[in-house]
Protein backbone atom coordinates (compact mmCIF):
# COMPACT_ATOMS: atom_id res chain seq x y z
CA MET A 1 -0.18 0.18 0.11
CA SER A 2 1.61 3.18 -1.27
CA LEU A 3 0.36 6.93 -2.05
CA THR A 4 2.04 7.08 -5.32
CA ARG A 5 1.17 9.54 -7.80
CA ASP A 6 -0.99 7.83 -9.71
CA VAL A 7 -3.29 6.90 -6.47
CA SER A 8 -3.47 10.34 -5.17
CA ASN A 9 -4.73 11.42 -8.64
CA ARG A 10 -7.28 9.13 -8.69
CA ILE A 11 -8.18 10.25 -4.87
CA LYS A 12 -8.54 13.91 -5.89
CA GLY A 13 -10.67 12.46 -8.66
CA ILE A 14 -13.01 10.92 -5.98
CA ALA A 15 -12.74 14.11 -3.97
CA ILE A 16 -13.86 16.33 -6.82
CA ILE A 17 -16.69 14.42 -7.18
CA LEU A 18 -17.88 14.33 -3.54
CA MET A 19 -17.40 18.35 -3.36
CA ILE A 20 -19.68 18.80 -5.80
CA MET A 21 -22.04 16.30 -4.30
CA THR A 22 -21.75 18.14 -1.18
CA HIS A 23 -22.15 21.56 -2.78
CA THR A 24 -25.34 19.95 -4.90
CA PHE A 25 -27.14 18.65 -2.06
CA SER A 26 -26.17 21.08 0.64
CA LEU A 27 -26.78 24.35 -1.11
CA PHE A 28 -29.41 23.56 -3.60
CA GLY A 29 -31.53 20.84 -1.56
CA SER A 30 -35.45 21.21 -1.76
CA ASN A 31 -35.37 25.01 -2.06
CA SER A 32 -33.99 24.26 -5.54
CA GLY A 33 -36.80 21.83 -6.46
CA LEU A 34 -34.67 18.79 -6.33
CA TYR A 35 -36.50 15.67 -5.36
CA VAL A 36 -35.62 14.68 -1.79
CA ILE A 37 -36.21 11.25 -0.18
CA PRO A 38 -36.71 12.14 3.75
CA LEU A 39 -34.73 9.86 6.01
CA PHE A 40 -37.89 7.72 7.95
CA ASN A 41 -38.91 10.72 10.51
CA THR A 42 -35.61 12.30 11.53
CA GLY A 43 -36.60 15.41 10.15
CA ILE A 44 -33.51 15.50 7.53
CA THR A 45 -33.44 14.29 3.78
CA ILE A 46 -30.70 11.14 2.43
CA GLU A 47 -29.50 14.00 0.46
CA THR A 48 -28.59 16.23 3.66
CA MET A 49 -26.86 13.60 4.91
CA LEU A 50 -24.71 12.25 1.90
CA GLY A 51 -23.94 15.91 1.23
CA ARG A 52 -22.88 16.43 4.51
CA SER A 53 -20.68 13.21 4.90
CA ALA A 54 -19.53 14.51 1.36
CA ASP A 55 -17.66 17.18 2.61
CA ILE A 56 -15.08 15.19 3.62
CA CYS A 57 -13.40 15.64 0.21
CA ILE A 58 -12.01 18.96 2.00
CA TYR A 59 -9.92 16.73 4.29
CA LEU A 60 -8.82 14.39 1.54
CA PHE A 61 -7.39 16.99 -0.20
CA ALA A 62 -5.54 19.04 2.94
CA PHE A 63 -4.18 15.08 3.56
CA ILE A 64 -2.85 14.63 0.13
CA SER A 65 -1.23 18.60 0.50
CA GLY A 66 0.57 17.46 3.33
CA PHE A 67 1.67 13.95 2.31
CA GLY A 68 3.02 15.61 -0.82
CA LEU A 69 4.64 18.29 1.18
CA PHE A 70 7.28 15.87 2.74
CA PHE A 71 8.81 15.26 -0.50
CA SER A 72 9.24 19.17 -1.52
CA TYR A 73 11.16 19.62 2.16
CA SER A 74 12.94 16.35 2.01
CA GLY A 75 16.94 16.50 2.31
CA LYS A 76 16.82 20.14 0.75
CA SER A 77 18.62 23.06 2.26
CA ALA A 78 16.69 25.90 3.98
CA LYS A 79 17.49 28.10 0.91
CA LYS A 80 15.79 25.48 -1.41
CA THR A 81 13.07 24.85 0.74
CA LEU A 82 12.19 28.45 0.79
CA PHE A 83 12.60 29.02 -3.11
CA GLY A 84 10.52 26.33 -3.69
CA THR A 85 7.83 26.92 -1.65
CA ALA A 86 7.95 30.48 -3.49
CA ILE A 87 7.53 28.95 -6.63
CA LYS A 88 4.87 26.81 -5.71
CA LEU A 89 2.75 29.47 -3.95
CA LEU A 90 2.99 31.48 -7.50
CA GLN A 91 2.12 28.85 -9.22
CA PHE A 92 -0.75 28.03 -7.32
CA LEU A 93 -2.14 31.73 -7.18
CA LEU A 94 -1.49 32.38 -11.15
CA CYS A 95 -3.85 29.31 -11.98
CA TYR A 96 -6.04 30.53 -9.32
CA TRP A 97 -5.96 34.00 -10.39
CA LEU A 98 -6.59 32.78 -14.13
CA VAL A 99 -10.19 31.38 -13.25
CA ILE A 100 -11.00 34.41 -11.04
CA PHE A 101 -10.17 37.59 -13.95
CA SER A 102 -11.36 35.47 -16.74
CA VAL A 103 -14.27 34.21 -15.33
CA PHE A 104 -15.55 35.08 -12.19
CA LEU A 105 -14.52 39.47 -12.28
CA PRO A 106 -16.68 40.07 -15.33
CA PHE A 107 -19.68 38.92 -13.94
CA TYR A 108 -19.03 40.64 -10.78
CA ALA A 109 -18.01 43.90 -11.71
CA ALA A 110 -20.86 44.03 -14.37
CA TYR A 111 -23.40 42.88 -11.53
CA GLN A 112 -22.14 45.54 -8.69
CA GLY A 113 -21.76 48.48 -11.35
CA ASP A 114 -20.78 51.36 -9.85
CA LYS A 115 -20.93 49.90 -6.30
CA PHE A 116 -17.52 47.63 -7.12
CA GLN A 117 -14.78 47.88 -4.69
CA PHE A 118 -11.22 47.42 -5.66
CA ILE A 119 -10.88 45.91 -2.10
CA GLU A 120 -13.37 43.03 -2.87
CA LEU A 121 -10.76 41.83 -5.66
CA ILE A 122 -7.86 42.19 -3.54
CA LYS A 123 -9.84 40.08 -1.00
CA THR A 124 -10.86 37.63 -3.27
CA MET A 125 -7.24 37.23 -5.02
CA PHE A 126 -5.92 36.14 -1.80
CA GLY A 127 -9.27 34.07 -0.56
CA HIS A 128 -10.27 35.96 1.90
CA HIS A 129 -14.34 36.64 1.90
CA GLY A 130 -14.42 38.27 -1.40
CA PHE A 131 -16.93 37.49 -4.34
CA PHE A 132 -15.44 34.28 -4.94
CA GLY A 133 -17.57 31.88 -2.37
CA TYR A 134 -15.04 29.04 -2.64
CA GLY A 135 -12.02 30.88 -2.02
CA TRP A 136 -11.04 29.94 1.55
CA TYR A 137 -8.81 26.93 0.38
CA VAL A 138 -6.60 29.70 -1.17
CA TYR A 139 -6.29 31.09 2.03
CA PHE A 140 -5.84 27.83 3.71
CA TYR A 141 -3.28 26.88 1.40
CA ILE A 142 -1.24 30.10 1.66
CA LEU A 143 -0.98 29.62 4.83
CA LEU A 144 -0.26 26.10 4.92
CA LEU A 145 2.81 27.06 2.22
CA ILE A 146 4.39 29.77 4.53
CA SER A 147 3.55 28.32 7.95
CA PHE A 148 5.04 24.65 6.96
CA PRO A 149 8.87 24.88 6.80
CA LEU A 150 8.84 25.55 10.16
CA VAL A 151 5.80 23.27 11.30
CA CYS A 152 7.83 20.33 9.37
CA LYS A 153 10.71 20.66 11.81
CA VAL A 154 8.26 19.86 14.88
CA LEU A 155 6.73 16.89 12.70
CA ASN A 156 9.94 15.73 11.80
CA ILE A 157 11.38 15.03 15.76
CA ASN A 158 9.05 11.82 16.74
CA LYS A 159 6.62 9.48 14.91
CA TRP A 160 4.25 9.20 18.06
CA ALA A 161 5.04 13.20 19.05
CA SER A 162 3.94 14.21 15.73
CA VAL A 163 0.50 12.39 15.50
CA PHE A 164 -0.22 14.20 19.10
CA ILE A 165 0.99 17.75 17.55
CA SER A 166 -1.39 17.41 14.42
CA TYR A 167 -4.30 16.54 16.46
CA VAL A 168 -4.06 17.87 20.53
CA PRO A 169 -3.75 21.87 19.42
CA PHE A 170 -6.26 22.45 17.00
CA ILE A 171 -8.67 20.44 18.75
CA GLY A 172 -8.24 21.85 21.62
CA THR A 173 -8.54 25.52 19.64
CA TYR A 174 -11.71 24.12 18.38
CA ILE A 175 -13.46 23.43 21.94
CA VAL A 176 -12.28 26.42 23.11
CA LEU A 177 -13.76 28.63 20.23
CA ASN A 178 -17.10 26.15 20.92
CA ARG A 179 -17.93 27.88 23.80
CA PHE A 180 -17.65 31.41 22.17
CA GLN A 181 -18.68 30.73 18.66
CA GLN A 182 -21.70 33.43 18.69
CA ASN A 183 -18.87 36.32 19.33
CA ILE A 184 -16.28 35.18 16.55
CA PRO A 185 -16.66 36.84 13.37
CA TYR A 186 -16.10 33.82 10.48
CA TYR A 187 -16.27 31.04 12.99
CA ASP A 188 -17.28 28.31 10.79
CA THR A 189 -14.61 29.26 8.35
CA ILE A 190 -12.02 29.38 11.31
CA CYS A 191 -13.14 25.64 12.34
CA ILE A 192 -12.68 24.33 8.67
CA LEU A 193 -9.48 25.91 8.52
CA LEU A 194 -8.25 24.44 11.76
CA PHE A 195 -9.32 20.81 10.51
CA ALA A 196 -7.74 21.18 7.01
CA TYR A 197 -4.52 22.13 8.64
CA SER A 198 -4.68 19.43 11.35
CA THR A 199 -5.25 17.23 8.68
CA ALA A 200 -2.25 18.18 6.58
CA CYS A 201 0.09 17.58 9.58
CA ILE A 202 -1.12 14.32 9.98
CA GLY A 203 -0.94 13.96 6.06
CA TYR A 204 2.35 14.97 6.28
CA SER A 205 3.31 12.48 9.46
CA PHE A 206 2.38 9.62 7.14
CA SER A 207 4.42 10.43 4.65
CA ARG A 208 7.31 11.28 6.87
CA HIS A 209 6.82 8.56 9.29
CA ASN A 210 6.07 5.90 6.89
CA PHE A 211 2.80 4.85 8.57
CA LEU A 212 1.19 3.17 5.74
CA SER A 213 3.81 0.51 5.74
CA ASP A 214 3.22 0.03 9.66
CA ILE A 215 -0.66 -0.39 9.00
CA ASN A 216 0.53 -3.34 6.29
CA LYS A 217 2.52 -4.95 9.01
CA VAL A 218 -0.09 -4.88 11.44
CA PHE A 219 -2.72 -6.27 9.10
CA LYS A 220 0.13 -8.59 7.84
CA ASN A 221 -0.24 -7.43 4.21
CA LYS A 222 -4.18 -8.86 4.08
CA LYS A 223 -5.52 -5.86 2.44
CA TRP A 224 -9.28 -7.38 2.42
CA LEU A 225 -8.78 -6.59 6.24
CA ILE A 226 -7.37 -3.50 5.76
CA LEU A 227 -10.32 -2.26 3.31
CA LEU A 228 -12.69 -4.01 5.79
CA VAL A 229 -11.69 -2.18 8.96
CA SER A 230 -10.81 1.41 7.56
CA GLY A 231 -13.74 1.04 5.23
CA THR A 232 -16.05 0.44 8.24
CA ILE A 233 -14.59 2.96 10.64
CA GLY A 234 -13.88 5.83 8.10
CA PHE A 235 -17.39 5.57 6.46
CA ALA A 236 -19.20 5.01 9.60
CA SER A 237 -17.88 7.39 11.52
CA GLN A 238 -18.18 9.84 8.63
CA ILE A 239 -21.49 9.32 7.42
CA MET A 240 -23.13 8.70 11.24
CA ILE A 241 -21.41 11.36 13.48
CA PHE A 242 -21.08 14.15 10.90
CA GLY A 243 -23.53 13.01 8.06
CA TYR A 244 -26.25 12.70 10.87
CA PHE A 245 -25.64 14.64 13.82
CA GLY A 246 -23.29 17.26 12.17
CA LYS A 247 -20.38 16.76 14.29
CA ALA A 248 -17.37 18.20 12.04
CA ILE A 249 -14.91 17.16 14.98
CA ILE A 250 -15.22 13.87 13.68
CA GLN A 251 -13.69 14.43 10.45
CA PRO A 252 -9.70 14.88 10.89
CA PHE A 253 -9.90 11.92 12.25
CA SER A 254 -11.97 9.62 9.65
CA VAL A 255 -10.28 11.19 7.01
CA VAL A 256 -7.19 8.85 8.02
CA PHE A 257 -9.68 5.74 7.51
CA ILE A 258 -10.85 7.13 4.45
CA MET A 259 -7.63 7.87 3.09
CA VAL A 260 -6.07 4.55 4.05
CA PHE A 261 -9.22 2.91 2.58
CA LEU A 262 -8.66 4.66 -0.62
CA THR A 263 -5.50 4.03 -0.71
CA GLU A 264 -5.25 0.46 -0.71
CA LEU A 265 -8.53 0.08 -2.95
CA PHE A 266 -6.53 1.75 -5.85
CA SER A 267 -3.52 -0.30 -5.24
CA PHE A 268 -5.66 -2.87 -7.69
CA ASN A 269 -5.78 -2.78 -11.45
CA LEU A 270 -8.96 -0.65 -12.19
CA PRO A 271 -10.87 -0.86 -15.14
CA ASN A 272 -9.36 1.55 -18.17
CA TRP A 273 -12.48 3.54 -18.29
CA LEU A 274 -12.56 3.88 -14.77
CA ASP A 275 -8.92 4.70 -14.23
CA LYS A 276 -8.95 7.02 -17.03
CA SER A 277 -11.46 8.97 -15.89
CA LEU A 278 -10.02 8.91 -12.09
CA LYS A 279 -6.98 10.44 -13.43
CA ALA A 280 -8.76 13.15 -15.66
CA LEU A 281 -10.63 14.15 -12.79
CA GLY A 282 -7.83 14.29 -10.57
CA ASN A 283 -5.48 16.19 -12.58
CA ASN A 284 -8.11 19.20 -13.29
CA SER A 285 -9.44 18.70 -9.68
CA MET A 286 -8.01 22.32 -8.35
CA ASN A 287 -9.32 23.76 -11.88
CA MET A 288 -12.84 22.30 -11.50
CA TRP A 289 -13.15 23.11 -7.77
CA TYR A 290 -12.87 27.13 -9.25
CA ILE A 291 -14.88 27.07 -12.28
CA HIS A 292 -17.62 24.41 -10.87
CA TYR A 293 -18.59 27.97 -8.55
CA ILE A 294 -20.61 29.06 -12.03
CA PHE A 295 -23.40 27.42 -11.49
CA PHE A 296 -23.73 27.96 -7.20
CA CYS A 297 -22.59 32.24 -7.93
CA PRO A 298 -25.62 34.27 -7.76
CA TYR A 299 -24.27 37.44 -9.96
CA ILE A 300 -23.40 34.51 -12.28
CA ILE A 301 -26.70 32.93 -12.01
CA TYR A 302 -28.72 36.08 -12.39
CA TYR A 303 -27.33 36.90 -15.78
CA ILE A 304 -26.81 33.03 -17.54
CA LYS A 305 -29.19 30.75 -15.13
CA SER A 306 -26.32 28.50 -14.68
CA ASP A 307 -28.09 26.77 -12.06
CA GLN A 308 -30.71 25.35 -14.33
CA TRP A 309 -27.63 23.73 -16.40
CA ILE A 310 -27.65 20.81 -13.91
CA LEU A 311 -30.94 21.18 -12.20
CA PHE A 312 -33.71 20.94 -15.00
CA SER A 313 -33.87 16.99 -14.57
CA LYS A 314 -34.67 17.69 -10.38
CA ILE A 315 -32.87 14.33 -9.92
CA GLY A 316 -29.87 15.03 -7.47
CA ILE A 317 -27.56 12.22 -8.63
CA ILE A 318 -28.05 13.34 -12.11
CA ALA A 319 -27.48 17.24 -11.12
CA VAL A 320 -24.09 16.07 -9.68
CA ILE A 321 -23.22 14.10 -12.75
CA ILE A 322 -23.94 16.76 -15.25
CA CYS A 323 -21.99 19.53 -12.79
CA THR A 324 -19.21 17.21 -12.65
CA VAL A 325 -18.93 16.61 -16.59
CA LEU A 326 -19.28 20.63 -17.17
CA SER A 327 -16.98 21.81 -14.53
CA LEU A 328 -14.40 18.98 -16.12
CA ILE A 329 -14.82 20.28 -19.66
CA LEU A 330 -14.65 23.78 -18.46
CA ALA A 331 -11.22 23.17 -16.41
CA ILE A 332 -9.38 21.25 -18.86
CA PRO A 333 -8.51 24.61 -20.77
CA PHE A 334 -7.12 26.08 -17.41
CA THR A 335 -5.24 23.02 -16.77
CA TYR A 336 -3.48 23.07 -20.07
CA ILE A 337 -2.86 26.73 -19.99
CA ASN A 338 -1.44 26.31 -16.33
CA ASN A 339 0.78 22.80 -17.30
CA LYS A 340 1.86 24.08 -20.93
CA ILE A 341 2.71 28.19 -20.54
CA PHE A 342 2.73 28.61 -16.37
CA ARG A 343 5.15 25.88 -15.73
CA ARG A 344 6.89 25.17 -18.89
CA ILE A 345 7.57 28.77 -19.94
CA LEU A 346 7.55 30.98 -17.09
CA PHE A 347 9.17 28.24 -14.36
CA ASN A 348 11.37 26.72 -16.93
CA ASN A 349 14.24 28.56 -15.57
CA THR A 350 13.83 27.84 -11.95
CA HIS A 351 15.15 24.01 -12.04
CA CYS A 352 18.20 25.87 -12.88
CA LEU A 353 18.40 28.71 -10.02
CA SER A 354 17.13 25.23 -7.43
CA SER A 355 20.04 23.19 -8.60
CA LYS A 356 22.16 25.87 -8.17
CA LEU A 357 21.28 26.58 -4.55
CA THR A 358 21.71 22.88 -3.76
CA ASN A 359 24.91 22.93 -5.23
CA ASP A 360 26.04 26.11 -3.05
CA SER A 361 24.56 24.55 -0.31
CA ASN A 362 26.44 21.53 -0.76
CA ASN A 363 29.95 23.32 -1.40
CA LYS A 364 29.59 25.21 2.18
């Protein structure tokens, strides 16, 4: 069991489908005219529970981000780490800004007219409560990249200490904030940031201390047993404790079991069509995250009724499929520009400079 690049792409493909599901079921729900199925006499619908449960998508992305950061920092000098962080951050922001400036800004400026404020653009560019509703992850990723060169030094110390550090400070902060939530601006966003950062830390720890190999040893490489235990605990806790009861504190824990389950599951050979589909979704997942907001964005819906493009059937799962397919189609050009122009042309010389930094460090 290993979280390779191919496996992580498949998991990101699953994550973006779950994200579209949670937005479709949670944000639209019965108010859109979607057919819903009541969950017995509980007062909630199956769609609501599935929409909540699918919120694990955020933490799947955060875990993979943390897991990958270990390889970004491993064996590198301080100069190269800082330089690599700056380049990674700039690449990330350029990709995000391309979508914001070309798709959302024109609609927002037209919608606001004379009321348009430049400060809203600045906020949006860095993911801080501007006119882009899904920009909080941008803010999170900026914080993650800036702070993690220091945080990883603490997580490197000891295997079990890294688990403690990944959970206890963040969960403790959440418990304290929860007591005063009515007096805290942006309380929900702060809690999501806490849990996402916690999950990124545990993802890094899994990579740094090779926890996946330890899990294999505990279960004596019995794949079926790993799938059974991790799948049962992960999905049961996510669906029941968060999906039904709405207790978000469970998610940094349930995501670990779900990641183990998906990593083990995707170690098997998949049907060719499924493998290519998940990889396509995974490769375009970040741009799909940005672009699928056009189907939920009030000022875009005002002009082009984009919500009706996916809701016309009134059946939730069909709306999710249509939104996923359209988002993928719209995201592909942006991913192409990011890979072919931003990375290959704008950042082509960074590898030379990065190598020079490494050589300079080794010669000292």
